[in-house]
Amino acid sequence: MKKFLIFALLCVTLTACHDTRFVLSDSVPAEPSYSRTQHYTWWGKKSTIDTIQVCGSAGNVAMVEEKENAGQSWLRYLTIGIYTPVTTAVYCKQPRVTNYRAAQPRE
């Protein structure tokens, strides 16, 4: 039993952080035009990002990416998946300065 628990703990600590990418262009800039932490729970996502407002038009969106870093993974493990924070980044084909702020969830 002790070996199983050590193996299970090792599997949990060595699992990779997850990434999701939607690539919509042949060339993607190195830096995102907008980046923000999104908060997922069992009952849904707390907010959304309007990529058209960030990039100015749907044709200007190059890539949307969600990444989970090590600290965010630990939060997911500690809450048994009830709460999962991820960092979402929007890359525009022609980077532009944006004042976009995602709508905050209503309580």
N, C-alpha and C. Protein backbone atom coordinates (compact mmCIF):
# COMPACT_ATOMS: atom_id res chain seq x y z
N MET A 1 0.83 -1.20 0.00
CA MET A 1 0.00 0.00 0.00
C MET A 1 0.87 1.26 0.00
N LYS A 2 1.98 1.20 0.76
CA LYS A 2 2.86 2.35 0.83
C LYS A 2 3.46 2.67 -0.54
N LYS A 3 3.84 1.64 -1.30
CA LYS A 3 4.40 1.85 -2.63
C LYS A 3 3.36 2.48 -3.56
N PHE A 4 2.11 2.03 -3.44
CA PHE A 4 1.05 2.58 -4.27
C PHE A 4 0.84 4.06 -3.98
N LEU A 5 0.81 4.44 -2.71
CA LEU A 5 0.62 5.85 -2.35
C LEU A 5 1.79 6.71 -2.85
N ILE A 6 3.01 6.20 -2.74
CA ILE A 6 4.16 6.94 -3.24
C ILE A 6 4.07 7.09 -4.76
N PHE A 7 3.67 6.02 -5.44
CA PHE A 7 3.51 6.06 -6.89
C PHE A 7 2.42 7.05 -7.29
N ALA A 8 1.29 7.02 -6.59
CA ALA A 8 0.18 7.93 -6.89
C ALA A 8 0.60 9.38 -6.67
N LEU A 9 1.30 9.65 -5.59
CA LEU A 9 1.77 11.01 -5.30
C LEU A 9 2.77 11.46 -6.36
N LEU A 10 3.65 10.57 -6.78
CA LEU A 10 4.61 10.88 -7.83
C LEU A 10 3.90 11.19 -9.14
N CYS A 11 2.87 10.42 -9.48
CA CYS A 11 2.11 10.68 -10.71
C CYS A 11 1.44 12.05 -10.67
N VAL A 12 0.87 12.40 -9.54
CA VAL A 12 0.19 13.69 -9.41
C VAL A 12 1.18 14.84 -9.52
N THR A 13 2.35 14.71 -8.89
CA THR A 13 3.31 15.81 -8.91
C THR A 13 4.03 15.94 -10.24
N LEU A 14 4.10 14.89 -11.02
CA LEU A 14 4.80 14.94 -12.30
C LEU A 14 3.89 15.19 -13.50
N THR A 15 2.60 15.27 -13.28
CA THR A 15 1.71 15.51 -14.41
C THR A 15 1.95 16.90 -14.97
N ALA A 16 1.83 17.01 -16.26
CA ALA A 16 2.13 18.27 -16.94
C ALA A 16 0.99 19.27 -16.78
N CYS A 17 1.36 20.51 -16.81
CA CYS A 17 0.36 21.58 -16.87
C CYS A 17 -0.26 21.53 -18.27
N HIS A 18 -1.53 21.85 -18.37
CA HIS A 18 -2.17 21.73 -19.68
C HIS A 18 -2.13 23.04 -20.45
N ASP A 19 -2.02 22.89 -21.75
CA ASP A 19 -2.05 24.03 -22.68
C ASP A 19 -3.12 23.76 -23.73
N THR A 20 -3.83 24.80 -24.13
CA THR A 20 -4.78 24.70 -25.23
C THR A 20 -4.50 25.88 -26.16
N ARG A 21 -4.35 25.59 -27.46
CA ARG A 21 -4.06 26.65 -28.43
C ARG A 21 -5.01 26.53 -29.62
N PHE A 22 -5.55 27.66 -30.02
CA PHE A 22 -6.32 27.76 -31.26
C PHE A 22 -5.54 28.67 -32.18
N VAL A 23 -4.85 28.10 -33.15
CA VAL A 23 -4.02 28.86 -34.07
C VAL A 23 -4.83 29.16 -35.32
N LEU A 24 -4.97 30.45 -35.65
CA LEU A 24 -5.81 30.88 -36.75
C LEU A 24 -5.01 31.57 -37.85
N SER A 25 -3.68 31.55 -37.76
CA SER A 25 -2.85 32.28 -38.72
C SER A 25 -1.54 31.53 -38.93
N ASP A 26 -0.89 31.80 -40.06
CA ASP A 26 0.40 31.19 -40.34
C ASP A 26 1.52 31.80 -39.50
N SER A 27 1.39 33.07 -39.17
CA SER A 27 2.41 33.74 -38.36
C SER A 27 1.77 34.29 -37.09
N VAL A 28 2.42 33.97 -35.97
CA VAL A 28 1.92 34.40 -34.67
C VAL A 28 3.00 35.25 -34.00
N PRO A 29 2.64 36.45 -33.51
CA PRO A 29 3.63 37.30 -32.84
C PRO A 29 4.16 36.63 -31.57
N ALA A 30 5.34 37.06 -31.15
CA ALA A 30 5.97 36.49 -29.96
C ALA A 30 5.26 36.91 -28.67
N GLU A 31 4.72 38.10 -28.65
CA GLU A 31 4.08 38.62 -27.44
C GLU A 31 2.56 38.71 -27.62
N PRO A 32 1.80 38.34 -26.58
CA PRO A 32 0.34 38.46 -26.70
C PRO A 32 -0.11 39.91 -26.65
N SER A 33 -1.23 40.20 -27.31
CA SER A 33 -1.82 41.53 -27.25
C SER A 33 -2.59 41.73 -25.96
N TYR A 34 -3.08 40.61 -25.39
CA TYR A 34 -3.87 40.69 -24.15
C TYR A 34 -3.69 39.37 -23.41
N SER A 35 -3.53 39.44 -22.11
CA SER A 35 -3.38 38.24 -21.29
C SER A 35 -4.07 38.46 -19.95
N ARG A 36 -4.74 37.41 -19.47
CA ARG A 36 -5.50 37.53 -18.23
C ARG A 36 -5.72 36.14 -17.63
N THR A 37 -5.81 36.06 -16.31
CA THR A 37 -6.13 34.80 -15.65
C THR A 37 -7.64 34.59 -15.67
N GLN A 38 -8.05 33.42 -16.15
CA GLN A 38 -9.46 33.03 -16.18
C GLN A 38 -9.69 32.04 -15.04
N HIS A 39 -10.89 32.03 -14.49
CA HIS A 39 -11.20 31.19 -13.35
C HIS A 39 -12.31 30.21 -13.73
N TYR A 40 -11.97 28.92 -13.72
CA TYR A 40 -12.94 27.86 -13.99
C TYR A 40 -13.35 27.20 -12.68
N THR A 41 -14.59 26.79 -12.61
CA THR A 41 -15.08 25.99 -11.48
C THR A 41 -15.89 24.84 -12.06
N TRP A 42 -16.31 23.92 -11.22
CA TRP A 42 -17.12 22.80 -11.70
C TRP A 42 -18.37 23.28 -12.40
N TRP A 43 -18.91 24.42 -11.96
CA TRP A 43 -20.18 24.89 -12.50
C TRP A 43 -20.00 25.92 -13.61
N GLY A 44 -18.80 26.06 -14.16
CA GLY A 44 -18.61 26.91 -15.33
C GLY A 44 -17.47 27.90 -15.21
N LYS A 45 -17.27 28.64 -16.27
CA LYS A 45 -16.24 29.67 -16.33
C LYS A 45 -16.83 30.97 -15.82
N LYS A 46 -16.02 31.73 -15.09
CA LYS A 46 -16.50 32.95 -14.47
C LYS A 46 -16.56 34.16 -15.40
N SER A 47 -15.72 34.19 -16.44
CA SER A 47 -15.73 35.34 -17.35
C SER A 47 -15.25 34.89 -18.73
N THR A 48 -15.45 35.74 -19.73
CA THR A 48 -15.01 35.44 -21.08
C THR A 48 -14.19 36.62 -21.62
N ILE A 49 -13.44 36.36 -22.68
CA ILE A 49 -12.66 37.41 -23.34
C ILE A 49 -13.19 37.55 -24.76
N ASP A 50 -13.52 38.76 -25.16
CA ASP A 50 -14.01 39.04 -26.51
C ASP A 50 -12.80 39.32 -27.41
N THR A 51 -12.38 38.31 -28.18
CA THR A 51 -11.18 38.45 -29.01
C THR A 51 -11.36 39.48 -30.11
N ILE A 52 -12.57 39.69 -30.58
CA ILE A 52 -12.82 40.70 -31.62
C ILE A 52 -12.54 42.10 -31.08
N GLN A 53 -12.96 42.36 -29.84
CA GLN A 53 -12.66 43.67 -29.24
C GLN A 53 -11.18 43.83 -28.97
N VAL A 54 -10.49 42.75 -28.61
CA VAL A 54 -9.05 42.84 -28.34
C VAL A 54 -8.28 43.15 -29.61
N CYS A 55 -8.58 42.44 -30.72
CA CYS A 55 -7.81 42.57 -31.96
C CYS A 55 -8.43 43.52 -32.97
N GLY A 56 -9.63 43.98 -32.76
CA GLY A 56 -10.25 44.92 -33.68
C GLY A 56 -11.15 44.27 -34.70
N SER A 57 -10.85 43.03 -35.12
CA SER A 57 -11.70 42.29 -36.05
C SER A 57 -11.37 40.81 -35.92
N ALA A 58 -12.30 39.98 -36.35
CA ALA A 58 -12.09 38.53 -36.26
C ALA A 58 -10.93 38.09 -37.16
N GLY A 59 -10.73 38.77 -38.28
CA GLY A 59 -9.65 38.43 -39.18
C GLY A 59 -8.26 38.76 -38.66
N ASN A 60 -8.19 39.57 -37.62
CA ASN A 60 -6.91 39.97 -37.05
C ASN A 60 -6.47 39.05 -35.90
N VAL A 61 -7.29 38.10 -35.49
CA VAL A 61 -6.94 37.19 -34.41
C VAL A 61 -6.00 36.11 -34.95
N ALA A 62 -4.80 36.01 -34.40
CA ALA A 62 -3.81 35.02 -34.86
C ALA A 62 -3.87 33.74 -34.03
N MET A 63 -4.02 33.88 -32.70
CA MET A 63 -4.02 32.69 -31.84
C MET A 63 -4.64 33.04 -30.49
N VAL A 64 -5.33 32.07 -29.91
CA VAL A 64 -5.83 32.16 -28.54
C VAL A 64 -5.23 30.98 -27.80
N GLU A 65 -4.66 31.25 -26.64
CA GLU A 65 -3.93 30.21 -25.91
C GLU A 65 -4.31 30.24 -24.44
N GLU A 66 -4.52 29.06 -23.86
CA GLU A 66 -4.73 28.92 -22.43
C GLU A 66 -3.60 28.08 -21.88
N LYS A 67 -2.95 28.57 -20.82
CA LYS A 67 -1.87 27.84 -20.18
C LYS A 67 -2.14 27.73 -18.70
N GLU A 68 -1.72 26.62 -18.14
CA GLU A 68 -1.80 26.42 -16.70
C GLU A 68 -0.37 26.27 -16.20
N ASN A 69 0.06 27.15 -15.29
CA ASN A 69 1.41 27.04 -14.76
C ASN A 69 1.42 26.13 -13.53
N ALA A 70 2.58 25.90 -12.95
CA ALA A 70 2.71 24.96 -11.84
C ALA A 70 1.87 25.40 -10.62
N GLY A 71 1.89 26.68 -10.30
CA GLY A 71 1.09 27.16 -9.16
C GLY A 71 -0.40 26.96 -9.38
N GLN A 72 -0.85 27.21 -10.60
CA GLN A 72 -2.26 27.01 -10.92
C GLN A 72 -2.62 25.53 -10.88
N SER A 73 -1.68 24.66 -11.28
CA SER A 73 -1.93 23.22 -11.19
C SER A 73 -2.11 22.78 -9.74
N TRP A 74 -1.27 23.32 -8.87
CA TRP A 74 -1.41 22.96 -7.45
C TRP A 74 -2.74 23.41 -6.88
N LEU A 75 -3.21 24.58 -7.28
CA LEU A 75 -4.54 25.01 -6.83
C LEU A 75 -5.62 24.05 -7.30
N ARG A 76 -5.48 23.57 -8.54
CA ARG A 76 -6.45 22.60 -9.07
C ARG A 76 -6.40 21.31 -8.25
N TYR A 77 -5.18 20.83 -7.94
CA TYR A 77 -5.05 19.59 -7.16
C TYR A 77 -5.59 19.76 -5.74
N LEU A 78 -5.26 20.89 -5.11
CA LEU A 78 -5.70 21.12 -3.73
C LEU A 78 -7.21 21.22 -3.60
N THR A 79 -7.87 21.73 -4.63
CA THR A 79 -9.33 21.85 -4.58
C THR A 79 -10.03 20.69 -5.28
N ILE A 80 -9.28 19.66 -5.61
CA ILE A 80 -9.80 18.46 -6.29
C ILE A 80 -10.53 18.83 -7.58
N GLY A 81 -10.04 19.84 -8.26
CA GLY A 81 -10.61 20.24 -9.54
C GLY A 81 -11.82 21.14 -9.45
N ILE A 82 -12.23 21.51 -8.26
CA ILE A 82 -13.39 22.41 -8.11
C ILE A 82 -13.05 23.79 -8.67
N TYR A 83 -11.82 24.24 -8.42
CA TYR A 83 -11.36 25.56 -8.90
C TYR A 83 -10.12 25.36 -9.76
N THR A 84 -10.13 25.90 -10.97
CA THR A 84 -8.99 25.76 -11.88
C THR A 84 -8.69 27.11 -12.53
N PRO A 85 -7.64 27.80 -12.11
CA PRO A 85 -7.24 29.03 -12.79
C PRO A 85 -6.33 28.71 -13.97
N VAL A 86 -6.49 29.42 -15.07
CA VAL A 86 -5.61 29.30 -16.23
C VAL A 86 -5.34 30.71 -16.77
N THR A 87 -4.21 30.88 -17.43
CA THR A 87 -3.87 32.16 -18.04
C THR A 87 -4.24 32.10 -19.52
N THR A 88 -5.09 33.02 -19.96
CA THR A 88 -5.53 33.07 -21.35
C THR A 88 -4.85 34.26 -22.03
N ALA A 89 -4.27 34.00 -23.21
CA ALA A 89 -3.59 35.05 -23.97
C ALA A 89 -4.19 35.11 -25.38
N VAL A 90 -4.36 36.33 -25.87
CA VAL A 90 -4.86 36.56 -27.24
C VAL A 90 -3.74 37.22 -28.03
N TYR A 91 -3.41 36.62 -29.17
CA TYR A 91 -2.38 37.15 -30.05
C TYR A 91 -3.05 37.69 -31.30
N CYS A 92 -2.74 38.92 -31.66
CA CYS A 92 -3.30 39.54 -32.86
C CYS A 92 -2.25 39.53 -33.97
N LYS A 93 -2.70 39.38 -35.23
CA LYS A 93 -1.77 39.38 -36.36
C LYS A 93 -1.01 40.70 -36.42
N GLN A 94 -1.73 41.78 -36.29
CA GLN A 94 -1.11 43.10 -36.24
C GLN A 94 -1.35 43.64 -34.83
N PRO A 95 -0.33 43.48 -33.96
CA PRO A 95 -0.51 43.89 -32.56
C PRO A 95 -1.00 45.33 -32.44
N ARG A 96 -1.87 45.57 -31.51
CA ARG A 96 -2.40 46.90 -31.29
C ARG A 96 -2.55 47.14 -29.80
N VAL A 97 -2.49 48.38 -29.42
CA VAL A 97 -2.69 48.74 -28.03
C VAL A 97 -4.17 48.66 -27.73
N THR A 98 -4.52 47.94 -26.68
CA THR A 98 -5.92 47.78 -26.35
C THR A 98 -6.19 48.15 -24.90
N ASN A 99 -7.30 48.73 -24.65
CA ASN A 99 -7.75 49.04 -23.30
C ASN A 99 -8.83 48.06 -22.87
N TYR A 100 -8.94 46.95 -23.59
CA TYR A 100 -10.00 45.97 -23.32
C TYR A 100 -9.84 45.38 -21.93
N ARG A 101 -10.94 45.26 -21.22
CA ARG A 101 -10.98 44.59 -19.92
C ARG A 101 -12.16 43.64 -19.96
N ALA A 102 -11.91 42.38 -19.67
CA ALA A 102 -12.98 41.39 -19.66
C ALA A 102 -14.00 41.75 -18.58
N ALA A 103 -15.25 41.48 -18.89
CA ALA A 103 -16.32 41.78 -17.92
C ALA A 103 -16.13 40.92 -16.67
N GLN A 104 -16.36 41.52 -15.53
CA GLN A 104 -16.23 40.81 -14.28
C GLN A 104 -17.54 40.07 -13.97
N PRO A 105 -17.44 38.90 -13.35
CA PRO A 105 -18.66 38.15 -13.03
C PRO A 105 -19.50 38.86 -12.00
N ARG A 106 -20.80 38.70 -12.13
CA ARG A 106 -21.71 39.28 -11.14
C ARG A 106 -21.89 38.30 -10.00
N GLU A 107 -21.94 38.81 -8.83
CA GLU A 107 -22.11 37.96 -7.64
C GLU A 107 -23.56 37.73 -7.35
